[in-house]
Amino acid sequence: MSVTIYHNPACGTSRNTLAMIRNAGIEPTVIEYLKTPPDRATLLDLIARTGKPVRALLRDKGSPFDDLGLADPKWTDAELIDFMLEHPILINRPIVVTPLGVRLCRPSERVLDLLTEAQRGAFAKEDGEAVVDAEGRRVQSAP
């Protein structure tokens, strides 16, 4: 299975997502998008394929979001994309691409819906939250 992850190694959610992909026995193409940002065409394609609006892929925490006044609804999608290209930290992560679709994997366990390979064993997030049991089955969180 071909998998690509737009990854930030400084982000726990991104690290957890990458670890779940690898726990399925898949070695993905890892694009550290802060070092190698997507071009306009790629970013537009990723956004379109998620089926989400541009603002859904715009990161507000730990980015220049507030300084740039990006909460203001005056900004068009094209302008927001310009900001994302100028400041790649504004691109929310991780974005995962597989033959099953493209998704912003927040929370990280959303990646499980994009993988055809089963988890090969237990998996817990960095904070200790169990996601997959020893048999490779998804753990249901309490309501």
Protein backbone atom coordinates (compact mmCIF):
# COMPACT_ATOMS: atom_id res chain seq x y z
CA MET A 1 0.00 0.00 0.00
CA SER A 2 1.32 3.41 -0.98
CA VAL A 3 1.07 5.91 1.88
CA THR A 4 2.35 9.47 2.10
CA ILE A 5 2.34 11.53 5.28
CA TYR A 6 2.87 15.27 5.44
CA HIS A 7 4.69 15.20 8.73
CA ASN A 8 6.12 17.48 11.38
CA PRO A 9 8.41 15.48 13.68
CA ALA A 10 7.96 18.12 16.42
CA CYS A 11 4.21 17.35 16.59
CA GLY A 12 3.00 14.52 18.84
CA THR A 13 -0.12 13.91 16.74
CA SER A 14 2.03 13.61 13.64
CA ARG A 15 4.48 11.23 15.38
CA ASN A 16 1.61 9.07 16.64
CA THR A 17 0.07 8.93 13.16
CA LEU A 18 3.38 7.91 11.60
CA ALA A 19 3.86 5.25 14.27
CA MET A 20 0.40 3.75 13.56
CA ILE A 21 1.19 3.58 9.85
CA ARG A 22 4.40 1.73 10.67
CA ASN A 23 2.55 -0.49 13.17
CA ALA A 24 0.57 -1.73 10.15
CA GLY A 25 3.84 -2.79 8.51
CA ILE A 26 3.85 0.11 6.06
CA GLU A 27 6.86 2.33 5.48
CA PRO A 28 5.32 5.52 4.13
CA THR A 29 6.80 8.32 2.12
CA VAL A 30 7.44 10.94 4.78
CA ILE A 31 7.35 14.55 3.65
CA GLU A 32 8.56 16.93 6.32
CA TYR A 33 6.45 19.73 4.93
CA LEU A 34 8.24 22.46 6.90
CA LYS A 35 11.48 21.51 5.11
CA THR A 36 9.83 20.64 1.79
CA PRO A 37 6.54 22.55 1.57
CA PRO A 38 4.00 21.53 -1.04
CA ASP A 39 3.67 23.73 -4.08
CA ARG A 40 0.38 25.48 -4.83
CA ALA A 41 -0.94 22.69 -7.09
CA THR A 42 -0.16 20.00 -4.51
CA LEU A 43 -1.68 21.97 -1.65
CA LEU A 44 -4.83 22.68 -3.67
CA ASP A 45 -5.08 18.98 -4.58
CA LEU A 46 -4.64 17.85 -0.97
CA ILE A 47 -7.28 20.28 0.27
CA ALA A 48 -9.73 19.28 -2.47
CA ARG A 49 -9.21 15.57 -1.82
CA THR A 50 -9.91 15.94 1.91
CA GLY A 51 -13.34 17.32 1.01
CA LYS A 52 -12.85 19.95 3.71
CA PRO A 53 -12.84 23.73 3.39
CA VAL A 54 -9.48 25.51 3.31
CA ARG A 55 -10.00 26.82 6.85
CA ALA A 56 -10.25 23.22 8.15
CA LEU A 57 -6.62 22.68 7.15
CA LEU A 58 -5.41 25.98 8.57
CA ARG A 59 -3.44 25.63 11.81
CA ASP A 60 -4.04 28.32 14.39
CA LYS A 61 -1.95 27.13 17.36
CA GLY A 62 1.80 27.55 17.27
CA SER A 63 1.65 29.51 14.04
CA PRO A 64 1.42 33.13 12.88
CA PHE A 65 -2.38 32.72 12.59
CA ASP A 66 -3.21 35.38 15.19
CA ASP A 67 -0.44 37.79 14.12
CA LEU A 68 -1.76 37.66 10.54
CA GLY A 69 -5.37 38.11 11.62
CA LEU A 70 -6.46 34.96 9.81
CA ALA A 71 -9.55 34.46 11.98
CA ASP A 72 -11.07 37.39 10.11
CA PRO A 73 -13.61 36.04 7.59
CA LYS A 74 -12.49 38.65 5.05
CA TRP A 75 -9.76 36.32 3.79
CA THR A 76 -10.68 34.33 0.67
CA ASP A 77 -9.63 30.72 0.22
CA ALA A 78 -7.03 31.85 -2.33
CA GLU A 79 -5.58 34.34 0.15
CA LEU A 80 -5.49 31.72 2.92
CA ILE A 81 -3.65 29.36 0.58
CA ASP A 82 -1.16 32.15 -0.18
CA PHE A 83 -0.53 32.48 3.56
CA MET A 84 -0.11 28.70 3.89
CA LEU A 85 2.44 28.68 1.09
CA GLU A 86 4.32 31.62 2.60
CA HIS A 87 4.16 30.14 6.13
CA PRO A 88 3.97 26.31 5.85
CA ILE A 89 3.51 26.07 9.65
CA LEU A 90 -0.05 27.24 8.93
CA ILE A 91 -0.77 23.90 7.22
CA ASN A 92 -2.42 21.65 9.77
CA ARG A 93 -0.90 18.20 10.14
CA PRO A 94 -0.56 15.39 9.65
CA ILE A 95 -2.15 14.96 6.25
CA VAL A 96 -2.11 11.35 5.07
CA VAL A 97 -2.62 10.18 1.50
CA THR A 98 -3.48 6.55 0.68
CA PRO A 99 -5.43 4.82 -2.09
CA LEU A 100 -8.43 5.04 0.27
CA GLY A 101 -8.34 8.82 0.46
CA VAL A 102 -6.73 11.91 1.91
CA ARG A 103 -7.36 12.99 5.47
CA LEU A 104 -6.17 15.38 8.12
CA CYS A 105 -5.44 12.86 10.88
CA ARG A 106 -6.44 14.78 13.97
CA PRO A 107 -6.85 12.86 16.17
CA SER A 108 -4.10 10.53 15.02
CA GLU A 109 -6.25 7.38 15.10
CA ARG A 110 -8.19 8.72 12.11
CA VAL A 111 -5.35 7.22 10.05
CA LEU A 112 -6.67 3.73 10.80
CA ASP A 113 -9.59 4.35 8.43
CA LEU A 114 -7.13 5.00 5.59
CA LEU A 115 -5.09 1.81 5.96
CA THR A 116 -5.90 -1.52 4.32
CA GLU A 117 -3.32 -3.33 6.43
CA ALA A 118 -4.27 -4.33 9.97
CA GLN A 119 -2.30 -3.16 12.95
CA ARG A 120 0.32 -5.74 13.85
CA GLY A 121 -0.04 -5.43 17.60
CA ALA A 122 -0.85 -3.13 20.45
CA PHE A 123 -0.39 0.59 20.02
CA ALA A 124 -0.61 3.41 22.53
CA LYS A 125 -0.10 7.08 21.84
CA GLU A 126 2.86 8.88 23.36
CA ASP A 127 0.61 10.01 26.22
CA GLY A 128 -0.23 6.38 27.03
CA GLU A 129 -3.76 6.36 25.54
CA ALA A 130 -4.43 2.88 24.14
CA VAL A 131 -5.55 2.92 20.50
CA VAL A 132 -5.05 -0.70 19.41
CA ASP A 133 -5.08 -3.83 21.57
CA ALA A 134 -2.63 -6.77 21.45
CA GLU A 135 -4.70 -8.46 18.74
CA GLY A 136 -4.49 -5.36 16.53
CA ARG A 137 -8.12 -4.30 17.13
CA ARG A 138 -9.07 -0.70 17.65
CA VAL A 139 -9.78 0.17 21.29
CA GLN A 140 -13.05 2.03 21.75
CA SER A 141 -12.75 5.12 23.91
CA ALA A 142 -15.21 5.74 26.69
CA PRO A 143 -18.07 8.06 25.67
